[in-house]
Amino acid sequence: MKLSAFLLPAFLLAGTLHLWGSDLRGLVVRITEGGPRTIERTTFTLKVPNRAWARDVTDWTEKAIADLVDRCKPLGFRPSDKSLLIVVVDLPVGENFNERENSITLNMKNYSEPKKAYGPLSNFLTKALLYHSGPPSAAWSPWLEEGLATYFQTTEKVVGSRKEDLMKQAAERLDSLTLQRVLQDADPRGHGLSAASHSLISFLDLNDAKFQQYLDEERRPGAVATGAFERIFGPDIEREWKDSLKPFQKH
């Protein structure tokens, strides 16, 4: 079977697959021999080209989703109302989380073994759960999405952590960084602001009432109103955030 033939039904399934409830303990597994493996869980459906990837990615993803839901209760993370489709391909395609299809695409050509893919996968899982933590009308600011995704990116247990390499990258650009530039950029990863977005999330207390208040703003229809961030976190928030980066500067 050609992989191109496997991809088409995989993406057609994205609109029809549904959860049987949000209980992570209810599991159904089906592995199709002689072709791409399909593994169904209550929270996701995985399509992969081979058995090794099927086993390893399934086990890790199941734990990662449970950890994210548990760790991010203050953020309102929950499994979506329809099964998230994760497609692992052996083709030169881009990797992403597709909101419309509720799907994640990973390219196994980028990784020497399944574990190497866990970092990007945890990044996309975070974006998927963030997307489903609010109404469809929520726009979700790109800096927030990128900052949270990098904060929770890992190849181990998903607990969330400050990444020192990203903090150093943000600190190197401290003189040219402004809060408004980070908050308003439409593509922080493409414009080199992924590290800055990460540093801002690392600085904020995700359990703080102010962060919850800000998330309420994010869940409103459309983009967050200009000045809402400073109104909630205070007029000194930019200086305080940039001060937190100074210890990571080269001396």
Protein backbone atom coordinates (compact mmCIF):
# COMPACT_ATOMS: atom_id res chain seq x y z
CA MET A 1 0.00 0.00 0.00
CA LYS A 2 1.38 3.39 -0.91
CA LEU A 3 1.56 5.91 1.88
CA SER A 4 -0.23 8.48 -0.26
CA ALA A 5 -3.20 6.12 -0.29
CA PHE A 6 -3.02 5.86 3.48
CA LEU A 7 -2.91 9.62 4.01
CA LEU A 8 -6.18 10.39 2.23
CA PRO A 9 -8.46 8.21 4.38
CA ALA A 10 -6.54 9.33 7.45
CA PHE A 11 -7.49 12.95 6.90
CA LEU A 12 -11.03 12.09 5.84
CA LEU A 13 -11.43 10.30 9.17
CA ALA A 14 -10.51 13.46 11.07
CA GLY A 15 -13.97 14.91 10.64
CA THR A 16 -15.83 11.77 11.66
CA LEU A 17 -13.94 10.21 14.55
CA HIS A 18 -15.43 10.96 17.99
CA LEU A 19 -14.56 10.36 21.61
CA TRP A 20 -16.45 7.73 23.56
CA GLY A 21 -16.07 9.94 26.62
CA SER A 22 -13.12 11.69 28.23
CA ASP A 23 -12.16 8.83 30.53
CA LEU A 24 -8.58 7.95 29.66
CA ARG A 25 -9.02 4.44 31.04
CA GLY A 26 -11.43 3.25 28.36
CA LEU A 27 -9.11 1.92 25.68
CA VAL A 28 -9.69 0.18 22.38
CA VAL A 29 -6.72 -0.95 20.30
CA ARG A 30 -6.73 -2.14 16.71
CA ILE A 31 -3.50 -2.81 14.79
CA THR A 32 -3.96 -3.59 11.09
CA GLU A 33 -1.34 -6.06 9.89
CA GLY A 34 0.28 -5.71 6.49
CA GLY A 35 -0.16 -1.96 6.27
CA PRO A 36 -0.25 1.26 8.23
CA ARG A 37 -1.13 0.75 11.90
CA THR A 38 -4.28 2.33 13.30
CA ILE A 39 -4.50 2.63 17.07
CA GLU A 40 -7.63 4.06 18.64
CA ARG A 41 -7.80 5.60 22.10
CA THR A 42 -10.56 7.54 23.74
CA THR A 43 -8.65 10.80 23.22
CA PHE A 44 -6.72 10.19 19.99
CA THR A 45 -6.39 8.01 16.93
CA LEU A 46 -2.88 7.27 15.68
CA LYS A 47 -1.95 6.22 12.14
CA VAL A 48 1.66 5.15 11.67
CA PRO A 49 3.65 3.22 9.04
CA ASN A 50 5.20 0.55 11.27
CA ARG A 51 4.78 -1.40 14.49
CA ALA A 52 7.72 0.11 16.42
CA TRP A 53 6.39 3.62 15.99
CA ALA A 54 2.85 2.43 16.72
CA ARG A 55 3.82 0.95 20.08
CA ASP A 56 6.17 3.67 21.30
CA VAL A 57 4.23 6.72 20.14
CA THR A 58 0.91 5.35 21.39
CA ASP A 59 2.17 4.67 24.91
CA TRP A 60 3.92 8.04 25.20
CA THR A 61 1.05 10.07 23.71
CA GLU A 62 -1.46 8.51 26.06
CA LYS A 63 0.63 9.50 29.08
CA ALA A 64 1.42 12.95 27.65
CA ILE A 65 -2.24 13.85 27.16
CA ALA A 66 -3.09 12.69 30.68
CA ASP A 67 -0.18 14.69 32.11
CA LEU A 68 -1.12 17.82 30.17
CA VAL A 69 -4.76 17.63 31.24
CA ASP A 70 -3.72 17.15 34.86
CA ARG A 71 -0.94 19.76 34.88
CA CYS A 72 -2.96 22.35 32.98
CA LYS A 73 -6.25 22.23 34.85
CA PRO A 74 -5.82 25.94 35.72
CA LEU A 75 -5.63 26.58 31.97
CA GLY A 76 -8.80 24.63 31.29
CA PHE A 77 -7.05 21.92 29.25
CA ARG A 78 -9.30 18.99 28.41
CA PRO A 79 -9.55 16.36 25.70
CA SER A 80 -11.54 17.50 22.68
CA ASP A 81 -15.06 16.35 21.92
CA LYS A 82 -13.78 14.40 18.95
CA SER A 83 -10.73 12.19 18.74
CA LEU A 84 -7.50 13.97 17.86
CA LEU A 85 -6.00 12.38 14.74
CA ILE A 86 -2.20 11.92 14.81
CA VAL A 87 -0.71 10.92 11.46
CA VAL A 88 2.92 9.84 11.23
CA VAL A 89 4.11 9.78 7.64
CA ASP A 90 7.25 8.73 5.81
CA LEU A 91 6.96 11.54 3.31
CA PRO A 92 8.61 14.97 2.96
CA VAL A 93 5.71 16.95 4.38
CA GLY A 94 5.52 19.74 6.94
CA GLU A 95 4.67 19.04 10.57
CA ASN A 96 1.80 20.89 12.21
CA PHE A 97 -1.37 20.93 14.27
CA ASN A 98 -4.34 21.55 11.99
CA GLU A 99 -7.18 23.16 13.95
CA ARG A 100 -9.79 22.61 11.24
CA GLU A 101 -9.04 18.90 10.90
CA ASN A 102 -8.17 18.45 14.59
CA SER A 103 -5.07 16.60 13.45
CA ILE A 104 -1.33 16.49 14.06
CA THR A 105 1.10 15.52 11.29
CA LEU A 106 4.58 14.21 12.11
CA ASN A 107 7.25 13.32 9.55
CA MET A 108 9.22 10.30 10.70
CA LYS A 109 11.99 11.19 8.22
CA ASN A 110 13.01 13.87 10.74
CA TYR A 111 13.73 11.40 13.54
CA SER A 112 16.11 8.50 13.96
CA GLU A 113 13.79 6.85 16.51
CA PRO A 114 10.28 7.43 17.90
CA LYS A 115 11.52 9.12 21.09
CA LYS A 116 13.10 11.90 19.05
CA ALA A 117 9.60 12.86 17.88
CA TYR A 118 8.20 13.26 21.40
CA GLY A 119 9.40 16.86 21.71
CA PRO A 120 7.56 18.18 18.63
CA LEU A 121 4.60 15.93 19.45
CA SER A 122 4.27 17.38 22.98
CA ASN A 123 4.46 20.85 21.41
CA PHE A 124 1.57 20.08 19.05
CA LEU A 125 -0.44 18.32 21.77
CA THR A 126 -0.20 21.48 23.89
CA LYS A 127 -1.50 23.58 21.01
CA ALA A 128 -4.35 21.13 20.43
CA LEU A 129 -5.43 21.11 24.07
CA LEU A 130 -5.17 24.91 24.27
CA TYR A 131 -7.37 25.21 21.21
CA HIS A 132 -10.01 22.98 22.80
CA SER A 133 -9.91 24.78 26.16
CA GLY A 134 -11.99 27.65 24.82
CA PRO A 135 -14.85 28.29 22.40
CA PRO A 136 -14.26 28.03 18.63
CA SER A 137 -14.53 31.81 18.43
CA ALA A 138 -11.38 32.28 20.57
CA ALA A 139 -8.47 33.49 18.41
CA TRP A 140 -5.66 32.53 20.86
CA SER A 141 -2.74 34.92 20.58
CA PRO A 142 0.22 33.39 18.69
CA TRP A 143 2.67 34.31 21.49
CA LEU A 144 0.53 32.45 24.05
CA GLU A 145 0.22 29.37 21.87
CA GLU A 146 3.94 29.31 21.07
CA GLY A 147 4.99 30.12 24.63
CA LEU A 148 2.90 27.36 26.19
CA ALA A 149 3.87 24.84 23.49
CA THR A 150 7.60 25.37 24.09
CA TYR A 151 7.13 25.46 27.88
CA PHE A 152 5.54 22.00 27.84
CA GLN A 153 7.72 20.56 25.06
CA THR A 154 9.69 17.54 26.27
CA THR A 155 10.75 14.00 25.44
CA GLU A 156 10.09 12.90 29.02
CA LYS A 157 7.12 13.31 31.37
CA VAL A 158 5.13 16.41 30.44
CA VAL A 159 5.23 18.73 33.44
CA GLY A 160 6.27 22.07 31.92
CA SER A 161 9.67 23.68 32.45
CA ARG A 162 11.76 26.72 31.69
CA LYS A 163 14.21 25.89 28.90
CA GLU A 164 17.57 27.50 29.65
CA ASP A 165 18.64 27.52 26.00
CA LEU A 166 15.52 29.44 25.03
CA MET A 167 15.95 31.84 27.93
CA LYS A 168 19.50 32.56 26.74
CA GLN A 169 18.27 33.12 23.19
CA ALA A 170 15.68 35.61 24.42
CA ALA A 171 18.26 37.34 26.64
CA GLU A 172 20.61 37.78 23.68
CA ARG A 173 17.93 39.92 22.02
CA LEU A 174 16.94 41.77 25.16
CA ASP A 175 17.90 45.23 23.90
CA SER A 176 15.67 44.91 20.84
CA LEU A 177 12.78 43.09 22.54
CA THR A 178 9.62 44.91 23.48
CA LEU A 179 6.54 43.48 25.11
CA GLN A 180 4.26 44.80 22.37
CA ARG A 181 6.38 43.20 19.67
CA VAL A 182 5.94 39.80 21.30
CA LEU A 183 2.25 40.24 22.10
CA GLN A 184 1.30 41.44 18.62
CA ASP A 185 3.46 39.27 16.37
CA ALA A 186 1.39 37.01 14.13
CA ASP A 187 4.09 34.34 13.68
CA PRO A 188 6.53 34.25 16.61
CA ARG A 189 8.23 31.06 15.43
CA GLY A 190 8.69 32.35 11.89
CA HIS A 191 9.88 35.75 13.10
CA GLY A 192 12.39 34.47 15.64
CA LEU A 193 10.26 35.25 18.71
CA SER A 194 9.65 31.69 19.89
CA ALA A 195 12.27 32.05 22.66
CA ALA A 196 10.81 35.40 23.76
CA SER A 197 7.32 33.90 23.92
CA HIS A 198 8.70 31.03 25.99
CA SER A 199 10.45 33.43 28.36
CA LEU A 200 7.25 35.38 28.94
CA ILE A 201 5.29 32.24 29.79
CA SER A 202 8.14 31.09 32.05
CA PHE A 203 8.03 34.43 33.86
CA LEU A 204 4.28 34.41 34.48
CA ASP A 205 2.66 32.28 37.17
CA LEU A 206 0.20 30.04 35.32
CA ASN A 207 -1.69 29.38 38.56
CA ASP A 208 -2.03 33.06 39.42
CA ALA A 209 -5.48 34.69 39.37
CA LYS A 210 -4.14 37.35 37.00
CA PHE A 211 -3.18 34.72 34.44
CA GLN A 212 -6.67 33.21 34.73
CA GLN A 213 -8.11 36.67 34.16
CA TYR A 214 -5.95 37.07 31.08
CA LEU A 215 -7.09 33.69 29.75
CA ASP A 216 -10.67 34.93 30.05
CA GLU A 217 -9.69 37.74 27.69
CA GLU A 218 -8.14 35.21 25.30
CA ARG A 219 -11.36 33.17 25.25
CA ARG A 220 -13.43 36.11 24.09
CA PRO A 221 -14.24 36.22 20.36
CA GLY A 222 -11.50 37.76 18.27
CA ALA A 223 -8.12 39.19 19.20
CA VAL A 224 -7.30 40.36 22.72
CA ALA A 225 -7.91 44.07 23.14
CA THR A 226 -4.83 46.30 23.00
CA GLY A 227 -3.63 47.12 26.50
CA ALA A 228 -5.46 44.21 28.16
CA PHE A 229 -2.20 42.46 29.05
CA GLU A 230 -0.74 45.52 30.83
CA ARG A 231 -4.07 46.31 32.48
CA ILE A 232 -4.19 42.84 34.04
CA PHE A 233 -0.52 42.33 34.92
CA GLY A 234 0.30 45.92 35.77
CA PRO A 235 2.19 48.80 34.12
CA ASP A 236 5.59 47.44 35.21
CA ILE A 237 5.17 44.02 33.63
CA GLU A 238 7.54 44.71 30.71
CA ARG A 239 10.35 45.89 32.96
CA GLU A 240 9.84 42.95 35.36
CA TRP A 241 9.83 40.42 32.51
CA LYS A 242 13.00 41.87 30.97
CA ASP A 243 14.69 41.98 34.37
CA SER A 244 14.03 38.23 34.68
CA LEU A 245 16.04 37.67 31.50
CA LYS A 246 19.15 39.59 32.60
CA PRO A 247 20.71 36.64 34.52
CA PHE A 248 20.75 34.71 31.23
CA GLN A 249 22.75 37.34 29.37
CA LYS A 250 26.38 36.64 28.51
CA HIS A 251 28.81 38.66 30.59
